[in-house]
C-alpha atoms as a PDB file:
ATOM      1  CA  MET A   1       0.016   0.030  -0.044  1.00  0.00           C
ATOM      2  CA  SER A   2       1.144   3.357  -0.932  1.00  0.00           C
ATOM      3  CA  LYS A   3       2.366   5.865   1.763  1.00  0.00           C
ATOM      4  CA  GLU A   4       2.040   8.722  -0.736  1.00  0.00           C
ATOM      5  CA  PRO A   5      -0.955  11.215  -0.635  1.00  0.00           C
ATOM      6  CA  VAL A   6      -3.827  10.527  -2.949  1.00  0.00           C
ATOM      7  CA  ALA A   7      -5.166  13.279  -5.150  1.00  0.00           C
ATOM      8  CA  LEU A   8      -8.940  13.945  -4.736  1.00  0.00           C
ATOM      9  CA  SER A   9     -11.289  14.788  -7.601  1.00  0.00           C
ATOM     10  CA  ASP A  10     -12.873  18.198  -7.915  1.00  0.00           C
ATOM     11  CA  SER A  11     -16.201  16.800  -6.925  1.00  0.00           C
ATOM     12  CA  ARG A  12     -14.878  15.290  -3.725  1.00  0.00           C
ATOM     13  CA  ILE A  13     -13.095  18.531  -2.785  1.00  0.00           C
ATOM     14  CA  LYS A  14     -16.361  20.488  -3.378  1.00  0.00           C
ATOM     15  CA  LYS A  15     -18.046  18.110  -0.901  1.00  0.00           C
ATOM     16  CA  LEU A  16     -15.626  19.179   1.789  1.00  0.00           C
ATOM     17  CA  LYS A  17     -17.155  22.685   1.801  1.00  0.00           C
ATOM     18  CA  GLY A  18     -20.112  20.975   3.589  1.00  0.00           C
ATOM     19  CA  VAL A  19     -18.191  20.160   6.560  1.00  0.00           C
ATOM     20  CA  THR A  20     -19.466  22.248   9.550  1.00  0.00           C
ATOM     21  CA  ASP A  21     -18.059  20.303  12.453  1.00  0.00           C
ATOM     22  CA  PRO A  22     -15.549  22.459  14.305  1.00  0.00           C
ATOM     23  CA  ILE A  23     -13.165  19.627  14.840  1.00  0.00           C
ATOM     24  CA  LEU A  24     -13.170  18.395  11.323  1.00  0.00           C
ATOM     25  CA  TYR A  25     -13.455  21.935   9.633  1.00  0.00           C
ATOM     26  CA  SER A  26      -9.652  22.497   9.843  1.00  0.00           C
ATOM     27  CA  ILE A  27      -8.845  19.163   8.421  1.00  0.00           C
ATOM     28  CA  ALA A  28     -11.427  19.698   5.578  1.00  0.00           C
ATOM     29  CA  ALA A  29      -9.894  23.021   4.826  1.00  0.00           C
ATOM     30  CA  GLU A  30      -6.384  21.706   4.640  1.00  0.00           C
ATOM     31  CA  ILE A  31      -7.465  18.870   2.352  1.00  0.00           C
ATOM     32  CA  SER A  32      -9.340  21.401   0.194  1.00  0.00           C
ATOM     33  CA  LYS A  33      -6.115  23.431   0.063  1.00  0.00           C
ATOM     34  CA  THR A  34      -3.804  20.585  -0.961  1.00  0.00           C
ATOM     35  CA  GLY A  35      -6.312  18.457  -2.910  1.00  0.00           C
ATOM     36  CA  GLU A  36      -4.626  15.431  -1.309  1.00  0.00           C
ATOM     37  CA  VAL A  37      -5.336  12.941   1.519  1.00  0.00           C
ATOM     38  CA  ALA A  38      -3.548  10.016   3.046  1.00  0.00           C
ATOM     39  CA  TYR A  39      -5.610   7.059   4.040  1.00  0.00           C
ATOM     40  CA  GLN A  40      -4.727   5.212   7.318  1.00  0.00           C
ATOM     41  CA  GLU A  41      -3.997   1.971   5.371  1.00  0.00           C
ATOM     42  CA  GLY A  42      -1.278   3.804   3.608  1.00  0.00           C
ATOM     43  CA  PHE A  43       0.481   5.332   6.481  1.00  0.00           C
ATOM     44  CA  LEU A  44      -0.133   2.783   9.282  1.00  0.00           C
ATOM     45  CA  GLU A  45       3.359   1.245   8.881  1.00  0.00           C
ATOM     46  CA  ALA A  46       5.092   4.625   9.049  1.00  0.00           C
ATOM     47  CA  LEU A  47       3.029   5.498  12.231  1.00  0.00           C
ATOM     48  CA  ILE A  48       4.046   2.126  13.862  1.00  0.00           C
ATOM     49  CA  GLU A  49       7.757   2.811  12.962  1.00  0.00           C
ATOM     50  CA  ALA A  50       7.526   6.364  14.326  1.00  0.00           C
ATOM     51  CA  ILE A  51       6.186   5.174  17.649  1.00  0.00           C
ATOM     52  CA  GLU A  52       8.673   2.322  17.925  1.00  0.00           C
ATOM     53  CA  ILE A  53      11.444   4.814  17.411  1.00  0.00           C
ATOM     54  CA  LYS A  54      10.071   7.293  19.960  1.00  0.00           C
ATOM     55  CA  TYR A  55       9.451   4.725  22.648  1.00  0.00           C
END
């Protein structure tokens, strides 16, 4: 599985404008700005490695 960000289609980015939850709003705004997302399946291994290194 790729650890690289995935580009979103314009229609999916437009849907982010409907996010009103205060916690999710900043995430939606950043995704809208970059047009990319990373799915947990793609970065789970990197997260585990980072935790192992730290602890």
